[in-house]
């Protein structure tokens, strides 16, 4: 039990699950980062066989099959979007986004609609969350690939929030469309490694969490054209121990609205809009990998005014609100689980 909530294991035996969506037929669709599998999971915990039809996936360290999202018109087109690390020349790889039509045993009509450029010979910090905006555009949250010198130049999509149409084309009202030397897919830049994103149900603004280096994980509001400063500034410090200037030293860069120190490892982000736990209404729920907890942030406008931590002793990779208002969590590991948090019946 966590507080007055019961924790129920709905399914287990998943291999490093990364992202979860609830299908209209009430099954779950889950990505397994390694070995790069997509599968249905029934409500009774039965794991379906891996679905076929996926493209070639680079599986190493942070790479594999990552984010997942259903098309806003899924009921009509059964289209699914997935983020994955795509192999390139030699040891290089990059974050890509594909889409396909979900069938009983496979994805059909699979095509790749976005490729982070350039591909990098490193297996870390791919990002990979996908989230749809209220206007139907798709936001792709990327990582810096440990290619720090590529993050501040905006002629690439390293360490950015990108915004595309569902066919991969660029919306005409993206903030840098038509500006020479800037990739038109960019919405915001200067991010280290984005682990979750959610649109505020009232303002429609995109909130994101990102991993800091050694400490300094951040909560940001990804406004268009904003530069969030990595690697010029950070609330953490480099893994080598080298100090990085704090964000206030560079006031022209956009600061975070909240940060964690020591390290939290934020992964998965959702605004609670269910009815099962009324006291959480409008709060922000964040999964913690390193911290092995679910964190609830109480907001006043765009300020965090309280934090409640629910220790689960499991690395939490994703957070989803179920149809009945229960909270679903994915645990990260070789025996990954789907957990359900709901008010105790006692």
C-alpha atoms as a PDB file:
ATOM      1  CA  UNK A   1       0.000   0.000   0.000  1.00  0.00           C
ATOM      2  CA  UNK A   2       1.183   3.570  -0.749  1.00  0.00           C
ATOM      3  CA  UNK A   3      -0.612   5.927   1.624  1.00  0.00           C
ATOM      4  CA  UNK A   4      -4.311   5.188   1.102  1.00  0.00           C
ATOM      5  CA  UNK A   5      -3.623   3.650  -2.301  1.00  0.00           C
ATOM      6  CA  UNK A   6      -3.302  -0.032  -3.082  1.00  0.00           C
ATOM      7  CA  UNK A   7      -0.624  -1.178  -5.521  1.00  0.00           C
ATOM      8  CA  UNK A   8      -1.695  -4.102  -7.711  1.00  0.00           C
ATOM      9  CA  UNK A   9       0.499  -5.962 -10.203  1.00  0.00           C
ATOM     10  CA  UNK A  10      -1.494  -6.295 -13.436  1.00  0.00           C
ATOM     11  CA  UNK A  11       1.256  -7.932 -15.496  1.00  0.00           C
ATOM     12  CA  UNK A  12       4.889  -8.976 -15.185  1.00  0.00           C
ATOM     13  CA  UNK A  13       7.583 -10.604 -17.282  1.00  0.00           C
ATOM     14  CA  UNK A  14       8.150  -7.649 -19.625  1.00  0.00           C
ATOM     15  CA  UNK A  15      11.686  -6.935 -20.816  1.00  0.00           C
ATOM     16  CA  UNK A  16      12.635  -3.351 -19.934  1.00  0.00           C
ATOM     17  CA  UNK A  17       9.200  -1.900 -20.817  1.00  0.00           C
ATOM     18  CA  UNK A  18       9.398   1.739 -21.867  1.00  0.00           C
ATOM     19  CA  UNK A  19       5.986   3.058 -22.908  1.00  0.00           C
ATOM     20  CA  UNK A  20       2.358   2.043 -22.396  1.00  0.00           C
ATOM     21  CA  UNK A  21      -0.970   3.044 -23.950  1.00  0.00           C
ATOM     22  CA  UNK A  22      -4.489   1.809 -23.207  1.00  0.00           C
ATOM     23  CA  UNK A  23      -6.265   0.552 -26.322  1.00  0.00           C
ATOM     24  CA  UNK A  24      -9.998   1.092 -26.915  1.00  0.00           C
ATOM     25  CA  UNK A  25     -10.602  -2.655 -26.484  1.00  0.00           C
ATOM     26  CA  UNK A  26      -9.077  -2.267 -22.987  1.00  0.00           C
ATOM     27  CA  UNK A  27      -5.879  -4.201 -23.719  1.00  0.00           C
ATOM     28  CA  UNK A  28      -2.545  -2.486 -23.165  1.00  0.00           C
ATOM     29  CA  UNK A  29       0.052  -1.880 -25.866  1.00  0.00           C
ATOM     30  CA  UNK A  30       3.606  -1.841 -24.503  1.00  0.00           C
ATOM     31  CA  UNK A  31       7.048  -1.249 -25.973  1.00  0.00           C
ATOM     32  CA  UNK A  32       9.965  -3.269 -24.616  1.00  0.00           C
ATOM     33  CA  UNK A  33      13.155  -1.269 -25.022  1.00  0.00           C
ATOM     34  CA  UNK A  34      15.333  -4.346 -25.207  1.00  0.00           C
ATOM     35  CA  UNK A  35      15.206  -6.474 -27.289  1.00  0.00           C
ATOM     36  CA  UNK A  36      12.984  -3.998 -29.181  1.00  0.00           C
ATOM     37  CA  UNK A  37       9.533  -5.586 -29.060  1.00  0.00           C
ATOM     38  CA  UNK A  38       5.967  -4.339 -29.265  1.00  0.00           C
ATOM     39  CA  UNK A  39       3.252  -6.442 -27.688  1.00  0.00           C
ATOM     40  CA  UNK A  40      -0.315  -6.455 -26.446  1.00  0.00           C
ATOM     41  CA  UNK A  41      -0.915  -7.193 -22.782  1.00  0.00           C
ATOM     42  CA  UNK A  42      -4.360  -8.333 -21.681  1.00  0.00           C
ATOM     43  CA  UNK A  43      -6.061  -7.038 -18.533  1.00  0.00           C
ATOM     44  CA  UNK A  44      -5.564 -10.419 -16.920  1.00  0.00           C
ATOM     45  CA  UNK A  45      -1.799 -10.106 -17.372  1.00  0.00           C
ATOM     46  CA  UNK A  46      -1.389 -12.435 -20.335  1.00  0.00           C
ATOM     47  CA  UNK A  47       1.453 -11.234 -22.573  1.00  0.00           C
ATOM     48  CA  UNK A  48       0.687 -11.474 -26.268  1.00  0.00           C
ATOM     49  CA  UNK A  49       3.374 -12.551 -28.723  1.00  0.00           C
ATOM     50  CA  UNK A  50       5.660  -9.819 -30.103  1.00  0.00           C
ATOM     51  CA  UNK A  51       4.033  -8.027 -33.029  1.00  0.00           C
ATOM     52  CA  UNK A  52       5.854  -8.273 -36.345  1.00  0.00           C
ATOM     53  CA  UNK A  53       6.424  -5.514 -38.882  1.00  0.00           C
ATOM     54  CA  UNK A  54       8.783  -3.254 -36.949  1.00  0.00           C
ATOM     55  CA  UNK A  55      11.819  -1.800 -38.746  1.00  0.00           C
ATOM     56  CA  UNK A  56      15.413  -2.601 -37.814  1.00  0.00           C
ATOM     57  CA  UNK A  57      16.137  -1.354 -34.276  1.00  0.00           C
ATOM     58  CA  UNK A  58      19.478  -0.508 -32.649  1.00  0.00           C
ATOM     59  CA  UNK A  59      19.449  -2.039 -29.153  1.00  0.00           C
ATOM     60  CA  UNK A  60      22.197  -0.956 -26.746  1.00  0.00           C
ATOM     61  CA  UNK A  61      22.266   0.972 -23.440  1.00  0.00           C
ATOM     62  CA  UNK A  62      19.525   3.649 -23.812  1.00  0.00           C
ATOM     63  CA  UNK A  63      18.639   2.501 -27.335  1.00  0.00           C
ATOM     64  CA  UNK A  64      15.802   0.216 -28.395  1.00  0.00           C
ATOM     65  CA  UNK A  65      12.046   0.515 -28.875  1.00  0.00           C
ATOM     66  CA  UNK A  66      10.942   3.581 -26.918  1.00  0.00           C
ATOM     67  CA  UNK A  67       7.936   5.925 -26.983  1.00  0.00           C
ATOM     68  CA  UNK A  68       4.439   5.049 -28.101  1.00  0.00           C
ATOM     69  CA  UNK A  69       1.351   7.071 -29.011  1.00  0.00           C
ATOM     70  CA  UNK A  70      -2.039   6.413 -30.598  1.00  0.00           C
ATOM     71  CA  UNK A  71      -3.243   8.541 -33.493  1.00  0.00           C
ATOM     72  CA  UNK A  72      -5.931  11.039 -32.421  1.00  0.00           C
ATOM     73  CA  UNK A  73      -8.160   9.265 -34.983  1.00  0.00           C
ATOM     74  CA  UNK A  74      -7.112   5.773 -33.879  1.00  0.00           C
ATOM     75  CA  UNK A  75     -10.717   4.570 -33.685  1.00  0.00           C
ATOM     76  CA  UNK A  76     -10.962   5.082 -37.460  1.00  0.00           C
ATOM     77  CA  UNK A  77      -7.430   4.387 -38.720  1.00  0.00           C
ATOM     78  CA  UNK A  78      -5.868   2.129 -36.000  1.00  0.00           C
ATOM     79  CA  UNK A  79      -2.597   3.974 -36.502  1.00  0.00           C
ATOM     80  CA  UNK A  80       0.181   3.726 -33.919  1.00  0.00           C
ATOM     81  CA  UNK A  81       3.319   5.865 -33.630  1.00  0.00           C
ATOM     82  CA  UNK A  82       6.519   4.551 -32.094  1.00  0.00           C
ATOM     83  CA  UNK A  83       9.966   5.983 -31.381  1.00  0.00           C
ATOM     84  CA  UNK A  84      13.024   3.816 -31.823  1.00  0.00           C
ATOM     85  CA  UNK A  85      16.780   4.034 -32.112  1.00  0.00           C
ATOM     86  CA  UNK A  86      17.599   3.424 -35.764  1.00  0.00           C
ATOM     87  CA  UNK A  87      20.973   2.003 -36.823  1.00  0.00           C
ATOM     88  CA  UNK A  88      23.105   4.040 -39.186  1.00  0.00           C
ATOM     89  CA  UNK A  89      26.528   3.647 -40.753  1.00  0.00           C
ATOM     90  CA  UNK A  90      29.094   1.824 -38.647  1.00  0.00           C
ATOM     91  CA  UNK A  91      28.405   2.330 -34.940  1.00  0.00           C
ATOM     92  CA  UNK A  92      26.108   5.291 -35.471  1.00  0.00           C
ATOM     93  CA  UNK A  93      22.449   5.432 -34.477  1.00  0.00           C
ATOM     94  CA  UNK A  94      19.739   8.037 -34.096  1.00  0.00           C
ATOM     95  CA  UNK A  95      16.232   8.504 -32.740  1.00  0.00           C
ATOM     96  CA  UNK A  96      13.541   7.919 -35.357  1.00  0.00           C
ATOM     97  CA  UNK A  97       9.745   7.808 -35.348  1.00  0.00           C
ATOM     98  CA  UNK A  98       7.678   5.303 -37.282  1.00  0.00           C
ATOM     99  CA  UNK A  99       3.975   4.705 -37.733  1.00  0.00           C
ATOM    100  CA  UNK A 100       1.929   1.709 -38.735  1.00  0.00           C
ATOM    101  CA  UNK A 101      -1.544   0.200 -38.665  1.00  0.00           C
ATOM    102  CA  UNK A 102      -2.158  -2.079 -35.696  1.00  0.00           C
ATOM    103  CA  UNK A 103      -3.467  -5.546 -36.505  1.00  0.00           C
ATOM    104  CA  UNK A 104      -3.941  -8.654 -34.363  1.00  0.00           C
ATOM    105  CA  UNK A 105      -0.385  -9.920 -34.892  1.00  0.00           C
ATOM    106  CA  UNK A 106       1.558  -7.252 -36.747  1.00  0.00           C
ATOM    107  CA  UNK A 107       1.995  -3.623 -37.697  1.00  0.00           C
ATOM    108  CA  UNK A 108       1.142  -3.043 -41.336  1.00  0.00           C
ATOM    109  CA  UNK A 109       1.975  -0.129 -43.656  1.00  0.00           C
ATOM    110  CA  UNK A 110       4.987   0.799 -41.520  1.00  0.00           C
ATOM    111  CA  UNK A 111       6.879   3.934 -42.531  1.00  0.00           C
ATOM    112  CA  UNK A 112       9.474   6.157 -40.854  1.00  0.00           C
ATOM    113  CA  UNK A 113       8.272   9.763 -40.601  1.00  0.00           C
ATOM    114  CA  UNK A 114      11.029  11.439 -38.551  1.00  0.00           C
ATOM    115  CA  UNK A 115      14.776  10.968 -38.193  1.00  0.00           C
ATOM    116  CA  UNK A 116      16.857  12.874 -35.676  1.00  0.00           C
ATOM    117  CA  UNK A 117      19.897  14.268 -37.446  1.00  0.00           C
ATOM    118  CA  UNK A 118      22.746  13.634 -37.333  1.00  0.00           C
ATOM    119  CA  UNK A 119      23.179  10.035 -36.236  1.00  0.00           C
ATOM    120  CA  UNK A 120      25.843   9.675 -33.538  1.00  0.00           C
ATOM    121  CA  UNK A 121      28.214   6.874 -32.511  1.00  0.00           C
ATOM    122  CA  UNK A 122      26.977   6.698 -28.924  1.00  0.00           C
ATOM    123  CA  UNK A 123      24.320   4.543 -27.241  1.00  0.00           C
ATOM    124  CA  UNK A 124      23.081   7.100 -24.694  1.00  0.00           C
ATOM    125  CA  UNK A 125      20.442   9.823 -24.361  1.00  0.00           C
ATOM    126  CA  UNK A 126      18.042   9.110 -27.216  1.00  0.00           C
ATOM    127  CA  UNK A 127      15.024  10.715 -25.527  1.00  0.00           C
ATOM    128  CA  UNK A 128      12.067   9.104 -27.240  1.00  0.00           C
ATOM    129  CA  UNK A 129       8.777  10.273 -25.718  1.00  0.00           C
ATOM    130  CA  UNK A 130       5.925  10.994 -28.114  1.00  0.00           C
ATOM    131  CA  UNK A 131       2.876  13.084 -27.292  1.00  0.00           C
ATOM    132  CA  UNK A 132       0.052  14.549 -29.341  1.00  0.00           C
ATOM    133  CA  UNK A 133      -0.957  18.180 -28.969  1.00  0.00           C
ATOM    134  CA  UNK A 134      -4.605  19.250 -28.795  1.00  0.00           C
ATOM    135  CA  UNK A 135      -4.295  20.457 -32.415  1.00  0.00           C
ATOM    136  CA  UNK A 136      -3.274  16.970 -33.589  1.00  0.00           C
ATOM    137  CA  UNK A 137       0.407  17.673 -34.226  1.00  0.00           C
ATOM    138  CA  UNK A 138       2.964  15.195 -32.900  1.00  0.00           C
ATOM    139  CA  UNK A 139       5.709  16.280 -30.505  1.00  0.00           C
ATOM    140  CA  UNK A 140       8.920  14.244 -30.493  1.00  0.00           C
ATOM    141  CA  UNK A 141      11.139  14.610 -27.418  1.00  0.00           C
ATOM    142  CA  UNK A 142      14.789  13.902 -28.180  1.00  0.00           C
ATOM    143  CA  UNK A 143      18.066  13.616 -26.273  1.00  0.00           C
ATOM    144  CA  UNK A 144      21.513  15.126 -26.702  1.00  0.00           C
ATOM    145  CA  UNK A 145      23.175  11.770 -27.604  1.00  0.00           C
ATOM    146  CA  UNK A 146      26.165  12.950 -25.504  1.00  0.00           C
ATOM    147  CA  UNK A 147      27.101  15.107 -28.503  1.00  0.00           C
ATOM    148  CA  UNK A 148      27.250  18.268 -26.405  1.00  0.00           C
ATOM    149  CA  UNK A 149      28.758  20.429 -29.117  1.00  0.00           C
ATOM    150  CA  UNK A 150      25.712  19.843 -31.323  1.00  0.00           C
ATOM    151  CA  UNK A 151      23.036  20.947 -28.838  1.00  0.00           C
ATOM    152  CA  UNK A 152      23.275  24.739 -29.047  1.00  0.00           C
ATOM    153  CA  UNK A 153      23.608  25.012 -32.858  1.00  0.00           C
ATOM    154  CA  UNK A 154      20.040  24.723 -34.149  1.00  0.00           C
ATOM    155  CA  UNK A 155      20.883  23.286 -37.556  1.00  0.00           C
ATOM    156  CA  UNK A 156      20.131  19.789 -36.231  1.00  0.00           C
ATOM    157  CA  UNK A 157      17.632  17.999 -33.964  1.00  0.00           C
ATOM    158  CA  UNK A 158      19.979  16.981 -31.154  1.00  0.00           C
ATOM    159  CA  UNK A 159      18.509  17.843 -27.730  1.00  0.00           C
ATOM    160  CA  UNK A 160      15.256  19.382 -28.934  1.00  0.00           C
ATOM    161  CA  UNK A 161      11.501  19.154 -28.789  1.00  0.00           C
ATOM    162  CA  UNK A 162      10.429  18.641 -32.411  1.00  0.00           C
ATOM    163  CA  UNK A 163       6.922  19.204 -33.803  1.00  0.00           C
ATOM    164  CA  UNK A 164       5.653  17.457 -36.926  1.00  0.00           C
ATOM    165  CA  UNK A 165       2.440  16.498 -38.657  1.00  0.00           C
ATOM    166  CA  UNK A 166       1.353  12.871 -38.525  1.00  0.00           C
ATOM    167  CA  UNK A 167       2.889  12.241 -41.957  1.00  0.00           C
ATOM    168  CA  UNK A 168       6.215  13.742 -40.901  1.00  0.00           C
ATOM    169  CA  UNK A 169       5.832  17.063 -42.694  1.00  0.00           C
ATOM    170  CA  UNK A 170       6.628  20.305 -40.881  1.00  0.00           C
ATOM    171  CA  UNK A 171       3.802  22.553 -39.621  1.00  0.00           C
ATOM    172  CA  UNK A 172       3.966  25.941 -41.280  1.00  0.00           C
ATOM    173  CA  UNK A 173       3.625  27.702 -37.909  1.00  0.00           C
ATOM    174  CA  UNK A 174       6.633  26.053 -36.272  1.00  0.00           C
ATOM    175  CA  UNK A 175       8.732  28.856 -34.760  1.00  0.00           C
ATOM    176  CA  UNK A 176      11.781  28.543 -37.038  1.00  0.00           C
ATOM    177  CA  UNK A 177      10.162  27.764 -40.387  1.00  0.00           C
ATOM    178  CA  UNK A 178      11.897  29.775 -43.098  1.00  0.00           C
ATOM    179  CA  UNK A 179      14.854  30.791 -40.926  1.00  0.00           C
ATOM    180  CA  UNK A 180      18.132  29.969 -42.604  1.00  0.00           C
ATOM    181  CA  UNK A 181      20.420  27.573 -40.770  1.00  0.00           C
ATOM    182  CA  UNK A 182      17.756  26.313 -38.313  1.00  0.00           C
ATOM    183  CA  UNK A 183      16.019  22.948 -38.604  1.00  0.00           C
ATOM    184  CA  UNK A 184      12.318  23.745 -39.148  1.00  0.00           C
ATOM    185  CA  UNK A 185      11.169  20.774 -37.028  1.00  0.00           C
ATOM    186  CA  UNK A 186      12.478  22.444 -33.849  1.00  0.00           C
ATOM    187  CA  UNK A 187       9.943  23.686 -31.310  1.00  0.00           C
ATOM    188  CA  UNK A 188      12.351  24.282 -28.404  1.00  0.00           C
ATOM    189  CA  UNK A 189      16.046  23.540 -27.931  1.00  0.00           C
ATOM    190  CA  UNK A 190      18.864  23.256 -25.412  1.00  0.00           C
ATOM    191  CA  UNK A 191      17.544  20.076 -23.770  1.00  0.00           C
ATOM    192  CA  UNK A 192      19.767  17.339 -22.357  1.00  0.00           C
ATOM    193  CA  UNK A 193      17.598  14.201 -22.390  1.00  0.00           C
ATOM    194  CA  UNK A 194      13.823  14.502 -22.315  1.00  0.00           C
ATOM    195  CA  UNK A 195      12.059  11.773 -20.349  1.00  0.00           C
ATOM    196  CA  UNK A 196       8.401  12.770 -20.433  1.00  0.00           C
ATOM    197  CA  UNK A 197       5.919  15.272 -21.795  1.00  0.00           C
ATOM    198  CA  UNK A 198       2.291  16.210 -21.153  1.00  0.00           C
ATOM    199  CA  UNK A 199      -0.022  18.983 -22.302  1.00  0.00           C
ATOM    200  CA  UNK A 200      -1.705  21.035 -19.613  1.00  0.00           C
ATOM    201  CA  UNK A 201      -5.448  20.311 -19.863  1.00  0.00           C
ATOM    202  CA  UNK A 202      -6.399  23.988 -19.504  1.00  0.00           C
ATOM    203  CA  UNK A 203      -3.564  26.030 -21.038  1.00  0.00           C
ATOM    204  CA  UNK A 204      -2.583  23.546 -23.758  1.00  0.00           C
ATOM    205  CA  UNK A 205       1.102  24.197 -23.026  1.00  0.00           C
ATOM    206  CA  UNK A 206       3.634  21.381 -23.163  1.00  0.00           C
ATOM    207  CA  UNK A 207       5.308  20.469 -19.861  1.00  0.00           C
ATOM    208  CA  UNK A 208       8.425  18.276 -20.040  1.00  0.00           C
ATOM    209  CA  UNK A 209      10.845  16.599 -17.653  1.00  0.00           C
ATOM    210  CA  UNK A 210      14.467  16.015 -18.503  1.00  0.00           C
ATOM    211  CA  UNK A 211      17.422  14.247 -16.986  1.00  0.00           C
ATOM    212  CA  UNK A 212      20.199  16.435 -15.662  1.00  0.00           C
ATOM    213  CA  UNK A 213      23.813  15.219 -15.650  1.00  0.00           C
ATOM    214  CA  UNK A 214      24.916  14.529 -12.063  1.00  0.00           C
ATOM    215  CA  UNK A 215      21.855  15.971 -10.320  1.00  0.00           C
ATOM    216  CA  UNK A 216      19.770  18.851 -11.597  1.00  0.00           C
ATOM    217  CA  UNK A 217      16.850  17.015 -13.231  1.00  0.00           C
ATOM    218  CA  UNK A 218      14.368  19.592 -14.530  1.00  0.00           C
ATOM    219  CA  UNK A 219      10.688  20.340 -15.078  1.00  0.00           C
ATOM    220  CA  UNK A 220      10.200  22.791 -17.948  1.00  0.00           C
ATOM    221  CA  UNK A 221       7.426  24.335 -20.002  1.00  0.00           C
ATOM    222  CA  UNK A 222       8.522  23.900 -23.610  1.00  0.00           C
ATOM    223  CA  UNK A 223       7.443  27.161 -25.147  1.00  0.00           C
ATOM    224  CA  UNK A 224       8.172  27.694 -28.849  1.00  0.00           C
ATOM    225  CA  UNK A 225      11.622  29.023 -29.811  1.00  0.00           C
ATOM    226  CA  UNK A 226      12.907  28.861 -26.232  1.00  0.00           C
ATOM    227  CA  UNK A 227      16.466  27.713 -25.481  1.00  0.00           C
ATOM    228  CA  UNK A 228      16.764  25.822 -22.170  1.00  0.00           C
ATOM    229  CA  UNK A 229      20.511  26.167 -21.977  1.00  0.00           C
ATOM    230  CA  UNK A 230      22.133  22.743 -22.044  1.00  0.00           C
ATOM    231  CA  UNK A 231      25.141  22.317 -21.928  1.00  0.00           C
ATOM    232  CA  UNK A 232      25.910  25.961 -21.142  1.00  0.00           C
ATOM    233  CA  UNK A 233      24.043  25.843 -17.818  1.00  0.00           C
ATOM    234  CA  UNK A 234      22.627  23.195 -15.500  1.00  0.00           C
ATOM    235  CA  UNK A 235      21.519  22.714 -11.894  1.00  0.00           C
ATOM    236  CA  UNK A 236      23.754  19.624 -11.846  1.00  0.00           C
ATOM    237  CA  UNK A 237      27.411  19.057 -12.602  1.00  0.00           C
ATOM    238  CA  UNK A 238      29.306  17.032 -15.167  1.00  0.00           C
ATOM    239  CA  UNK A 239      29.981  13.348 -14.500  1.00  0.00           C
ATOM    240  CA  UNK A 240      33.678  14.218 -14.407  1.00  0.00           C
ATOM    241  CA  UNK A 241      32.987  16.465 -11.424  1.00  0.00           C
ATOM    242  CA  UNK A 242      33.444  19.622 -13.494  1.00  0.00           C
ATOM    243  CA  UNK A 243      31.107  22.379 -12.367  1.00  0.00           C
ATOM    244  CA  UNK A 244      28.554  23.724 -14.848  1.00  0.00           C
ATOM    245  CA  UNK A 245      27.295  27.310 -14.384  1.00  0.00           C
ATOM    246  CA  UNK A 246      23.862  27.555 -12.752  1.00  0.00           C
ATOM    247  CA  UNK A 247      21.008  28.793 -14.997  1.00  0.00           C
ATOM    248  CA  UNK A 248      20.709  32.249 -13.353  1.00  0.00           C
ATOM    249  CA  UNK A 249      24.183  33.092 -14.662  1.00  0.00           C
ATOM    250  CA  UNK A 250      22.757  33.146 -18.199  1.00  0.00           C
ATOM    251  CA  UNK A 251      19.470  35.108 -17.918  1.00  0.00           C
ATOM    252  CA  UNK A 252      18.912  35.106 -21.693  1.00  0.00           C
ATOM    253  CA  UNK A 253      18.310  31.339 -21.498  1.00  0.00           C
ATOM    254  CA  UNK A 254      14.990  29.910 -20.302  1.00  0.00           C
ATOM    255  CA  UNK A 255      15.146  28.599 -16.722  1.00  0.00           C
ATOM    256  CA  UNK A 256      13.384  25.502 -15.426  1.00  0.00           C
ATOM    257  CA  UNK A 257      10.304  26.005 -13.269  1.00  0.00           C
ATOM    258  CA  UNK A 258      11.381  23.222 -10.876  1.00  0.00           C
ATOM    259  CA  UNK A 259      14.405  21.024 -10.433  1.00  0.00           C
ATOM    260  CA  UNK A 260      15.539  18.082  -8.326  1.00  0.00           C
ATOM    261  CA  UNK A 261      18.807  17.602  -6.486  1.00  0.00           C
ATOM    262  CA  UNK A 262      20.063  14.995  -5.772  1.00  0.00           C
ATOM    263  CA  UNK A 263      19.258  12.997  -8.876  1.00  0.00           C
ATOM    264  CA  UNK A 264      15.652  11.853  -9.367  1.00  0.00           C
ATOM    265  CA  UNK A 265      15.664  10.331 -12.870  1.00  0.00           C
ATOM    266  CA  UNK A 266      12.287  11.663 -14.108  1.00  0.00           C
ATOM    267  CA  UNK A 267      10.623   9.396 -16.669  1.00  0.00           C
ATOM    268  CA  UNK A 268       6.987   9.566 -17.670  1.00  0.00           C
ATOM    269  CA  UNK A 269       4.763  12.580 -17.026  1.00  0.00           C
ATOM    270  CA  UNK A 270       0.994  13.057 -16.887  1.00  0.00           C
ATOM    271  CA  UNK A 271      -1.565  15.499 -15.521  1.00  0.00           C
ATOM    272  CA  UNK A 272      -4.079  13.666 -13.356  1.00  0.00           C
ATOM    273  CA  UNK A 273      -7.536  14.166 -14.878  1.00  0.00           C
ATOM    274  CA  UNK A 274      -9.352  11.092 -13.508  1.00  0.00           C
ATOM    275  CA  UNK A 275     -12.180  10.895 -10.999  1.00  0.00           C
ATOM    276  CA  UNK A 276     -10.973   7.962  -8.908  1.00  0.00           C
ATOM    277  CA  UNK A 277      -8.562  10.078  -6.819  1.00  0.00           C
ATOM    278  CA  UNK A 278     -10.263  13.499  -6.584  1.00  0.00           C
ATOM    279  CA  UNK A 279      -7.615  15.067  -4.344  1.00  0.00           C
ATOM    280  CA  UNK A 280      -5.077  14.631  -7.141  1.00  0.00           C
ATOM    281  CA  UNK A 281      -7.136  16.512  -9.734  1.00  0.00           C
ATOM    282  CA  UNK A 282      -4.901  18.764 -11.836  1.00  0.00           C
ATOM    283  CA  UNK A 283      -1.709  17.537 -10.201  1.00  0.00           C
ATOM    284  CA  UNK A 284       1.346  16.444 -12.140  1.00  0.00           C
ATOM    285  CA  UNK A 285       2.554  12.850 -11.740  1.00  0.00           C
ATOM    286  CA  UNK A 286       6.195  12.005 -12.519  1.00  0.00           C
ATOM    287  CA  UNK A 287       7.882   8.599 -12.494  1.00  0.00           C
ATOM    288  CA  UNK A 288      11.312   8.259 -10.913  1.00  0.00           C
ATOM    289  CA  UNK A 289      13.945   5.831 -12.175  1.00  0.00           C
ATOM    290  CA  UNK A 290      16.836   6.500  -9.816  1.00  0.00           C
ATOM    291  CA  UNK A 291      14.506   7.544  -6.994  1.00  0.00           C
ATOM    292  CA  UNK A 292      12.280   4.455  -7.512  1.00  0.00           C
ATOM    293  CA  UNK A 293       9.120   6.375  -6.744  1.00  0.00           C
ATOM    294  CA  UNK A 294       6.082   8.156  -8.087  1.00  0.00           C
ATOM    295  CA  UNK A 295       6.104  11.870  -7.346  1.00  0.00           C
ATOM    296  CA  UNK A 296       3.003  14.065  -7.231  1.00  0.00           C
ATOM    297  CA  UNK A 297       3.509  17.789  -7.801  1.00  0.00           C
ATOM    298  CA  UNK A 298       0.783  20.187  -6.675  1.00  0.00           C
ATOM    299  CA  UNK A 299       0.602  23.286  -8.842  1.00  0.00           C
ATOM    300  CA  UNK A 300      -0.560  26.851  -8.431  1.00  0.00           C
ATOM    301  CA  UNK A 301      -0.660  28.229 -11.921  1.00  0.00           C
ATOM    302  CA  UNK A 302       2.756  27.393 -13.324  1.00  0.00           C
ATOM    303  CA  UNK A 303       4.497  27.046  -9.968  1.00  0.00           C
ATOM    304  CA  UNK A 304       5.103  23.868  -7.994  1.00  0.00           C
ATOM    305  CA  UNK A 305       3.902  24.489  -4.431  1.00  0.00           C
ATOM    306  CA  UNK A 306       4.123  20.967  -2.959  1.00  0.00           C
ATOM    307  CA  UNK A 307       5.716  17.598  -3.646  1.00  0.00           C
ATOM    308  CA  UNK A 308       4.581  14.199  -2.378  1.00  0.00           C
ATOM    309  CA  UNK A 309       6.795  11.157  -2.925  1.00  0.00           C
ATOM    310  CA  UNK A 310       5.455   7.593  -2.980  1.00  0.00           C
ATOM    311  CA  UNK A 311       8.348   5.173  -2.644  1.00  0.00           C
ATOM    312  CA  UNK A 312       7.738   1.997  -4.656  1.00  0.00           C
ATOM    313  CA  UNK A 313      11.208   0.391  -4.648  1.00  0.00           C
ATOM    314  CA  UNK A 314      10.860  -0.012  -8.411  1.00  0.00           C
ATOM    315  CA  UNK A 315      12.358   2.053 -11.231  1.00  0.00           C
ATOM    316  CA  UNK A 316       9.332   3.811 -12.755  1.00  0.00           C
ATOM    317  CA  UNK A 317       9.625   4.315 -16.516  1.00  0.00           C
ATOM    318  CA  UNK A 318       6.140   5.488 -17.547  1.00  0.00           C
ATOM    319  CA  UNK A 319       2.978   6.907 -15.953  1.00  0.00           C
ATOM    320  CA  UNK A 320      -0.489   6.641 -17.554  1.00  0.00           C
ATOM    321  CA  UNK A 321      -4.039   7.387 -16.384  1.00  0.00           C
ATOM    322  CA  UNK A 322      -6.371   4.421 -16.938  1.00  0.00           C
ATOM    323  CA  UNK A 323      -9.934   4.791 -18.164  1.00  0.00           C
ATOM    324  CA  UNK A 324     -11.370   4.509 -14.650  1.00  0.00           C
ATOM    325  CA  UNK A 325      -8.914   7.048 -13.197  1.00  0.00           C
ATOM    326  CA  UNK A 326      -6.459   4.557 -11.712  1.00  0.00           C
ATOM    327  CA  UNK A 327      -2.769   5.287 -12.232  1.00  0.00           C
ATOM    328  CA  UNK A 328      -0.788   2.800 -14.313  1.00  0.00           C
ATOM    329  CA  UNK A 329       2.978   2.543 -13.917  1.00  0.00           C
ATOM    330  CA  UNK A 330       5.600   0.706 -15.939  1.00  0.00           C
ATOM    331  CA  UNK A 331       8.588  -0.577 -14.008  1.00  0.00           C
ATOM    332  CA  UNK A 332      11.981  -0.669 -15.691  1.00  0.00           C
ATOM    333  CA  UNK A 333      13.922  -3.916 -15.614  1.00  0.00           C
ATOM    334  CA  UNK A 334      14.295  -7.441 -17.011  1.00  0.00           C
ATOM    335  CA  UNK A 335      11.079  -8.468 -15.220  1.00  0.00           C
ATOM    336  CA  UNK A 336       9.150  -5.289 -15.930  1.00  0.00           C
ATOM    337  CA  UNK A 337       5.647  -4.877 -14.540  1.00  0.00           C
ATOM    338  CA  UNK A 338       2.462  -2.937 -15.080  1.00  0.00           C
ATOM    339  CA  UNK A 339       1.344  -1.613 -11.690  1.00  0.00           C
ATOM    340  CA  UNK A 340      -2.098  -0.169 -10.878  1.00  0.00           C
ATOM    341  CA  UNK A 341      -2.517   2.426  -8.139  1.00  0.00           C
ATOM    342  CA  UNK A 342      -6.064   2.965  -6.873  1.00  0.00           C
ATOM    343  CA  UNK A 343      -7.765   3.873  -3.560  1.00  0.00           C
ATOM    344  CA  UNK A 344      -7.733   1.089  -1.011  1.00  0.00           C
ATOM    345  CA  UNK A 345     -10.946  -0.905  -0.733  1.00  0.00           C
ATOM    346  CA  UNK A 346     -10.408  -1.181   3.028  1.00  0.00           C
END
